[in-house]
Amino acid sequence: MCRNITILRGLEPPATDEEIEASARQYVRKVSGVQKTSAATEEAFEIAVKAVTEATAVLLADLPPRKAVPKSEPPIRRLARR
């Protein structure tokens, strides 16, 4: 669906809450078509981000470990290295 969403499962160290939320935010932007929220879209957008963040955290916790780390790291980690 969106090539910009980074694989979080198998990261070392594990994905942070911030990385999970950033991924959820990108997903909600993509499926909703909302890049910048307005007064009319902000509440629904933030509710969706929270729900996707929670679901993603549960999913990552419940999946078995990956055999190999993902090929790319999340943008937040790339920026932190700079």
Protein backbone atom coordinates (compact mmCIF):
# COMPACT_ATOMS: atom_id res chain seq x y z
CA MET A 1 0.00 0.00 0.00
CA CYS A 2 2.56 2.59 1.03
CA ARG A 3 6.24 2.04 0.45
CA ASN A 4 7.11 4.79 2.94
CA ILE A 5 5.91 2.84 5.96
CA THR A 6 8.95 1.14 7.46
CA ILE A 7 8.91 -2.42 8.77
CA LEU A 8 9.00 -2.21 12.57
CA ARG A 9 9.01 -5.90 13.44
CA GLY A 10 12.49 -7.18 14.16
CA LEU A 11 14.20 -3.87 14.79
CA GLU A 12 17.12 -3.85 17.20
CA PRO A 13 16.48 -2.24 19.59
CA PRO A 14 12.71 -2.86 19.29
CA ALA A 15 10.44 -0.20 17.82
CA THR A 16 9.70 2.67 20.18
CA ASP A 17 6.27 4.09 20.93
CA GLU A 18 7.27 7.15 18.86
CA GLU A 19 8.17 4.98 15.85
CA ILE A 20 4.93 3.03 16.12
CA GLU A 21 2.88 6.23 16.27
CA ALA A 22 4.76 7.74 13.31
CA SER A 23 4.02 4.63 11.26
CA ALA A 24 0.34 4.74 12.29
CA ARG A 25 0.17 8.43 11.39
CA GLN A 26 1.61 7.72 7.92
CA TYR A 27 -0.88 4.89 7.40
CA VAL A 28 -3.85 7.06 8.41
CA ARG A 29 -2.62 9.87 6.13
CA LYS A 30 -2.42 7.47 3.22
CA VAL A 31 -5.80 5.77 3.61
CA SER A 32 -7.67 8.97 4.48
CA GLY A 33 -6.05 11.24 1.91
CA VAL A 34 -5.61 13.84 4.67
CA GLN A 35 -2.10 15.27 4.68
CA LYS A 36 -2.86 18.26 6.91
CA THR A 37 -5.73 18.14 9.34
CA SER A 38 -8.33 20.85 9.51
CA ALA A 39 -10.93 21.60 12.15
CA ALA A 40 -13.27 19.27 10.26
CA THR A 41 -10.83 16.34 10.09
CA GLU A 42 -8.56 16.64 13.14
CA GLU A 43 -10.66 14.75 15.70
CA ALA A 44 -11.41 11.78 13.43
CA PHE A 45 -7.79 11.70 12.24
CA GLU A 46 -6.34 11.64 15.77
CA ILE A 47 -8.82 8.97 16.91
CA ALA A 48 -7.75 6.82 13.96
CA VAL A 49 -4.04 7.38 14.70
CA LYS A 50 -4.56 6.31 18.31
CA ALA A 51 -6.47 3.18 17.28
CA VAL A 52 -3.89 2.17 14.66
CA THR A 53 -1.03 2.88 17.10
CA GLU A 54 -2.59 0.62 19.73
CA ALA A 55 -3.35 -2.14 17.22
CA THR A 56 0.20 -1.98 15.85
CA ALA A 57 1.73 -2.21 19.33
CA VAL A 58 -0.38 -5.29 20.10
CA LEU A 59 0.50 -6.85 16.74
CA LEU A 60 4.24 -6.32 17.21
CA ALA A 61 4.09 -7.74 20.74
CA ASP A 62 2.16 -10.83 19.63
CA LEU A 63 4.20 -11.76 16.54
CA PRO A 64 7.16 -14.13 16.85
CA PRO A 65 10.64 -12.63 16.37
CA ARG A 66 11.93 -12.17 12.84
CA LYS A 67 14.88 -14.23 11.68
CA ALA A 68 16.56 -11.15 10.20
CA VAL A 69 16.37 -7.44 10.92
CA PRO A 70 14.54 -5.27 8.36
CA LYS A 71 16.66 -3.89 5.48
CA SER A 72 15.84 -0.27 6.27
CA GLU A 73 15.50 1.58 9.53
CA PRO A 74 12.68 3.97 10.47
CA PRO A 75 13.14 7.62 9.45
CA ILE A 76 13.20 8.66 13.12
CA ARG A 77 16.33 6.55 13.66
CA ARG A 78 17.98 7.87 10.50
CA LEU A 79 17.39 11.45 11.65
CA ALA A 80 18.73 10.70 15.13
CA ARG A 81 22.02 9.45 13.66
CA ARG A 82 22.64 12.75 11.86
